[in-house]
C-alpha atoms as a PDB file:
ATOM      1  CA  MET A   1      -7.943 153.193 -62.993  1.00  0.00           C
ATOM      2  CA  SER A   2      -6.656 151.259 -60.076  1.00  0.00           C
ATOM      3  CA  ASP A   3      -5.705 147.449 -60.713  1.00  0.00           C
ATOM      4  CA  ALA A   4      -7.972 146.681 -57.800  1.00  0.00           C
ATOM      5  CA  LEU A   5     -10.620 146.998 -60.373  1.00  0.00           C
ATOM      6  CA  TYR A   6      -9.203 143.887 -62.115  1.00  0.00           C
ATOM      7  CA  ALA A   7      -8.844 141.380 -58.955  1.00  0.00           C
ATOM      8  CA  SER A   8     -10.784 140.189 -56.182  1.00  0.00           C
ATOM      9  CA  GLU A   9     -10.514 141.930 -52.972  1.00  0.00           C
ATOM     10  CA  LEU A  10      -9.833 138.411 -51.286  1.00  0.00           C
ATOM     11  CA  PRO A  11      -6.232 137.591 -50.435  1.00  0.00           C
ATOM     12  CA  TYR A  12      -4.204 134.922 -52.614  1.00  0.00           C
ATOM     13  CA  PRO A  13      -3.465 132.106 -50.123  1.00  0.00           C
ATOM     14  CA  GLU A  14      -0.236 130.964 -48.644  1.00  0.00           C
ATOM     15  CA  LEU A  15       1.384 128.049 -50.326  1.00  0.00           C
ATOM     16  CA  GLU A  16       2.233 125.757 -47.327  1.00  0.00           C
ATOM     17  CA  CYS A  17       2.478 122.391 -48.938  1.00  0.00           C
ATOM     18  CA  ALA A  18       4.604 119.394 -49.617  1.00  0.00           C
ATOM     19  CA  GLU A  19       6.269 118.484 -52.644  1.00  0.00           C
ATOM     20  CA  ASN A  20       4.152 116.606 -55.318  1.00  0.00           C
ATOM     21  CA  LEU A  21       5.653 116.539 -58.599  1.00  0.00           C
ATOM     22  CA  ALA A  22       2.442 115.368 -60.315  1.00  0.00           C
ATOM     23  CA  ASP A  23       0.540 118.275 -59.075  1.00  0.00           C
ATOM     24  CA  ALA A  24       3.425 120.688 -60.222  1.00  0.00           C
ATOM     25  CA  LYS A  25       3.446 119.280 -63.885  1.00  0.00           C
ATOM     26  CA  LEU A  26      -0.825 119.884 -63.785  1.00  0.00           C
ATOM     27  CA  LEU A  27      -0.072 123.431 -63.277  1.00  0.00           C
ATOM     28  CA  MET A  28       2.418 123.972 -65.971  1.00  0.00           C
ATOM     29  CA  PRO A  29      -0.208 124.399 -68.946  1.00  0.00           C
ATOM     30  CA  SER A  30      -1.923 127.266 -66.827  1.00  0.00           C
ATOM     31  CA  TYR A  31       1.563 128.662 -66.232  1.00  0.00           C
ATOM     32  CA  GLY A  32       3.226 128.696 -69.753  1.00  0.00           C
ATOM     33  CA  GLY A  33       1.195 126.879 -72.195  1.00  0.00           C
ATOM     34  CA  PRO A  34      -0.488 128.058 -75.393  1.00  0.00           C
ATOM     35  CA  SER A  35      -3.607 129.241 -73.510  1.00  0.00           C
ATOM     36  CA  GLY A  36      -2.037 130.115 -69.935  1.00  0.00           C
ATOM     37  CA  GLU A  37      -1.095 132.894 -68.036  1.00  0.00           C
ATOM     38  CA  LEU A  38       2.136 133.963 -70.030  1.00  0.00           C
ATOM     39  CA  THR A  39       0.173 134.111 -73.069  1.00  0.00           C
ATOM     40  CA  ALA A  40      -2.588 136.240 -71.515  1.00  0.00           C
ATOM     41  CA  VAL A  41       0.084 138.623 -70.370  1.00  0.00           C
ATOM     42  CA  ALA A  42       1.631 138.765 -73.817  1.00  0.00           C
ATOM     43  CA  THR A  43      -1.717 139.225 -75.732  1.00  0.00           C
ATOM     44  CA  TYR A  44      -3.190 142.088 -73.200  1.00  0.00           C
ATOM     45  CA  CYS A  45       0.146 143.844 -73.480  1.00  0.00           C
ATOM     46  CA  PHE A  46      -0.008 143.751 -77.028  1.00  0.00           C
ATOM     47  CA  GLN A  47      -3.571 144.984 -77.342  1.00  0.00           C
ATOM     48  CA  ASN A  48      -2.942 147.808 -74.877  1.00  0.00           C
ATOM     49  CA  TYR A  49       0.090 148.877 -77.043  1.00  0.00           C
ATOM     50  CA  VAL A  50      -1.974 149.156 -80.404  1.00  0.00           C
ATOM     51  CA  THR A  51      -5.080 150.332 -78.704  1.00  0.00           C
ATOM     52  CA  THR A  52      -4.378 154.106 -79.098  1.00  0.00           C
ATOM     53  CA  ARG A  53      -7.917 155.654 -79.639  1.00  0.00           C
ATOM     54  CA  ARG A  54      -9.813 154.013 -76.724  1.00  0.00           C
ATOM     55  CA  ARG A  55      -8.063 154.930 -73.390  1.00  0.00           C
ATOM     56  CA  GLU A  56     -10.667 153.073 -71.196  1.00  0.00           C
ATOM     57  CA  ILE A  57      -9.892 149.567 -73.052  1.00  0.00           C
ATOM     58  CA  ALA A  58      -6.109 150.266 -73.053  1.00  0.00           C
ATOM     59  CA  GLU A  59      -6.164 150.910 -69.268  1.00  0.00           C
ATOM     60  CA  ALA A  60      -8.200 147.979 -68.572  1.00  0.00           C
ATOM     61  CA  LEU A  61      -6.121 145.672 -70.847  1.00  0.00           C
ATOM     62  CA  MET A  62      -2.939 146.792 -68.701  1.00  0.00           C
ATOM     63  CA  GLY A  63      -4.679 146.368 -65.510  1.00  0.00           C
ATOM     64  CA  ILE A  64      -5.748 142.856 -66.267  1.00  0.00           C
ATOM     65  CA  ALA A  65      -2.442 142.041 -67.964  1.00  0.00           C
ATOM     66  CA  ARG A  66      -1.040 142.986 -64.456  1.00  0.00           C
ATOM     67  CA  THR A  67      -3.188 140.735 -62.688  1.00  0.00           C
ATOM     68  CA  GLU A  68      -2.293 137.837 -64.960  1.00  0.00           C
ATOM     69  CA  MET A  69       1.160 138.741 -64.424  1.00  0.00           C
ATOM     70  CA  ARG A  70       0.733 138.144 -60.610  1.00  0.00           C
ATOM     71  CA  HIS A  71      -1.143 134.655 -61.657  1.00  0.00           C
ATOM     72  CA  HIS A  72       1.864 133.753 -63.462  1.00  0.00           C
ATOM     73  CA  GLU A  73       4.172 134.594 -60.431  1.00  0.00           C
ATOM     74  CA  LEU A  74       1.748 132.515 -58.105  1.00  0.00           C
ATOM     75  CA  LEU A  75       1.755 129.663 -60.392  1.00  0.00           C
ATOM     76  CA  GLY A  76       5.787 129.631 -60.824  1.00  0.00           C
ATOM     77  CA  LYS A  77       6.039 129.799 -57.248  1.00  0.00           C
ATOM     78  CA  ALA A  78       3.486 126.774 -56.688  1.00  0.00           C
ATOM     79  CA  ILE A  79       5.382 124.897 -59.104  1.00  0.00           C
ATOM     80  CA  VAL A  80       8.778 125.270 -57.479  1.00  0.00           C
ATOM     81  CA  ARG A  81       7.330 124.450 -54.106  1.00  0.00           C
ATOM     82  CA  LEU A  82       5.734 121.210 -55.239  1.00  0.00           C
ATOM     83  CA  GLY A  83       9.370 120.427 -56.601  1.00  0.00           C
ATOM     84  CA  GLY A  84       8.665 121.198 -60.184  1.00  0.00           C
ATOM     85  CA  TYR A  85      10.711 123.443 -62.607  1.00  0.00           C
ATOM     86  CA  PRO A  86       8.703 126.322 -64.096  1.00  0.00           C
ATOM     87  CA  VAL A  87       9.342 126.159 -67.650  1.00  0.00           C
ATOM     88  CA  MET A  88       7.740 128.609 -69.863  1.00  0.00           C
ATOM     89  CA  GLY A  89       5.940 126.034 -71.909  1.00  0.00           C
ATOM     90  CA  GLY A  90       3.682 122.988 -71.530  1.00  0.00           C
ATOM     91  CA  ARG A  91       4.446 120.160 -74.077  1.00  0.00           C
ATOM     92  CA  THR A  92       6.477 122.734 -76.197  1.00  0.00           C
ATOM     93  CA  TYR A  93       8.281 125.884 -75.068  1.00  0.00           C
ATOM     94  CA  TRP A  94       6.293 128.983 -74.999  1.00  0.00           C
ATOM     95  CA  SER A  95       6.129 130.870 -78.448  1.00  0.00           C
ATOM     96  CA  GLY A  96       5.072 134.222 -79.494  1.00  0.00           C
ATOM     97  CA  SER A  97       2.735 132.785 -81.927  1.00  0.00           C
ATOM     98  CA  PHE A  98       0.544 132.031 -78.988  1.00  0.00           C
ATOM     99  CA  VAL A  99      -0.312 135.428 -78.794  1.00  0.00           C
ATOM    100  CA  ASN A 100      -3.493 137.030 -80.293  1.00  0.00           C
ATOM    101  CA  TYR A 101      -2.520 139.872 -82.699  1.00  0.00           C
ATOM    102  CA  THR A 102      -6.225 140.749 -83.680  1.00  0.00           C
ATOM    103  CA  LEU A 103      -6.471 144.648 -83.912  1.00  0.00           C
ATOM    104  CA  ASP A 104      -9.977 145.398 -83.829  1.00  0.00           C
ATOM    105  CA  PRO A 105     -11.262 145.932 -80.343  1.00  0.00           C
ATOM    106  CA  LYS A 106     -14.699 144.504 -80.859  1.00  0.00           C
ATOM    107  CA  LYS A 107     -12.984 141.244 -82.120  1.00  0.00           C
ATOM    108  CA  PHE A 108     -10.150 141.168 -79.674  1.00  0.00           C
ATOM    109  CA  LEU A 109     -12.804 141.704 -76.476  1.00  0.00           C
ATOM    110  CA  ARG A 110     -14.896 138.846 -77.877  1.00  0.00           C
ATOM    111  CA  GLU A 111     -11.758 136.575 -78.090  1.00  0.00           C
ATOM    112  CA  ASN A 112     -10.500 137.861 -74.645  1.00  0.00           C
ATOM    113  CA  ILE A 113     -13.925 136.815 -73.226  1.00  0.00           C
ATOM    114  CA  SER A 114     -13.663 133.264 -74.777  1.00  0.00           C
ATOM    115  CA  ALA A 115      -9.906 132.897 -73.758  1.00  0.00           C
ATOM    116  CA  GLU A 116     -11.036 133.800 -70.016  1.00  0.00           C
ATOM    117  CA  GLU A 117     -13.662 131.397 -70.003  1.00  0.00           C
ATOM    118  CA  THR A 118     -11.342 128.791 -71.350  1.00  0.00           C
ATOM    119  CA  ALA A 119      -9.056 129.804 -68.816  1.00  0.00           C
ATOM    120  CA  ILE A 120     -11.707 129.152 -66.039  1.00  0.00           C
ATOM    121  CA  LEU A 121     -12.640 125.915 -67.611  1.00  0.00           C
ATOM    122  CA  ASN A 122      -8.885 124.666 -67.368  1.00  0.00           C
ATOM    123  CA  TYR A 123      -8.356 125.672 -63.828  1.00  0.00           C
ATOM    124  CA  GLU A 124     -11.736 123.932 -62.756  1.00  0.00           C
ATOM    125  CA  ARG A 125     -10.471 120.592 -64.493  1.00  0.00           C
ATOM    126  CA  THR A 126      -6.958 121.221 -62.872  1.00  0.00           C
ATOM    127  CA  VAL A 127      -8.683 121.643 -59.437  1.00  0.00           C
ATOM    128  CA  LEU A 128     -10.476 118.260 -59.794  1.00  0.00           C
ATOM    129  CA  ALA A 129      -7.161 116.474 -60.732  1.00  0.00           C
ATOM    130  CA  LEU A 130      -4.856 117.967 -57.857  1.00  0.00           C
ATOM    131  CA  ARG A 131      -4.114 116.380 -54.621  1.00  0.00           C
ATOM    132  CA  THR A 132      -2.666 119.443 -52.863  1.00  0.00           C
ATOM    133  CA  GLU A 133      -5.437 121.523 -50.955  1.00  0.00           C
ATOM    134  CA  CYS A 134      -3.533 124.881 -50.874  1.00  0.00           C
ATOM    135  CA  VAL A 135      -2.997 124.691 -54.644  1.00  0.00           C
ATOM    136  CA  LYS A 136      -6.481 124.023 -55.092  1.00  0.00           C
ATOM    137  CA  THR A 137      -7.393 126.970 -53.177  1.00  0.00           C
ATOM    138  CA  LEU A 138      -5.098 129.262 -55.077  1.00  0.00           C
ATOM    139  CA  LEU A 139      -6.660 128.128 -58.253  1.00  0.00           C
ATOM    140  CA  GLU A 140     -10.031 128.805 -56.931  1.00  0.00           C
ATOM    141  CA  ARG A 141      -8.884 132.435 -55.988  1.00  0.00           C
ATOM    142  CA  ILE A 142      -7.452 132.859 -59.433  1.00  0.00           C
ATOM    143  CA  ILE A 143     -10.844 131.951 -60.754  1.00  0.00           C
ATOM    144  CA  LEU A 144     -12.394 134.883 -59.038  1.00  0.00           C
ATOM    145  CA  ASP A 145     -10.192 137.248 -60.972  1.00  0.00           C
ATOM    146  CA  GLU A 146     -10.809 135.491 -64.407  1.00  0.00           C
ATOM    147  CA  GLU A 147     -14.347 136.004 -63.782  1.00  0.00           C
ATOM    148  CA  ILE A 148     -13.843 139.704 -63.067  1.00  0.00           C
ATOM    149  CA  HIS A 149     -12.069 140.022 -66.305  1.00  0.00           C
ATOM    150  CA  ILE A 150     -14.742 138.557 -68.275  1.00  0.00           C
ATOM    151  CA  LYS A 151     -17.070 141.180 -66.931  1.00  0.00           C
ATOM    152  CA  VAL A 152     -14.820 143.986 -67.827  1.00  0.00           C
ATOM    153  CA  PHE A 153     -14.148 142.819 -71.270  1.00  0.00           C
ATOM    154  CA  LYS A 154     -18.095 142.357 -71.520  1.00  0.00           C
ATOM    155  CA  GLU A 155     -18.622 145.978 -70.368  1.00  0.00           C
ATOM    156  CA  LEU A 156     -16.036 147.411 -72.683  1.00  0.00           C
ATOM    157  CA  LEU A 157     -17.497 145.336 -75.576  1.00  0.00           C
ATOM    158  CA  SER A 158     -21.101 146.670 -74.896  1.00  0.00           C
ATOM    159  CA  ALA A 159     -19.855 150.337 -74.774  1.00  0.00           C
ATOM    160  CA  LEU A 160     -18.484 150.076 -78.575  1.00  0.00           C
END
């Protein structure tokens, strides 16, 4: 399967913006917090590795993980551009304990849907607090991918 199935066709915006440390700090939880992009990448990679009997689920998980890696990269670069330091963690350093280690595909697909919905809600709240327009546009673009992930996870769940 192509990674194009797991991301919107729209391009990510260019980040031409002035330094704004307050906005950089607002991005940190989505970048490397307990329910942020780093956790999503690690969770979906783990689930891909342990999903040996359902090739379509394993492939979708890895495709979505790659999209989440792109989000992590974009957020990290945005944090730097805004004058911040992209530490892997929010209030505490990132931990492998944040990863969802559920083995049952039905259960982890339901949990992934919930995690993606939470990510969207967090992005929407962050957009409301941001002052930097180009970063708002970036988060709005990332939300489009997260909505696709929910759709994919729901389709996979309904096929089980």
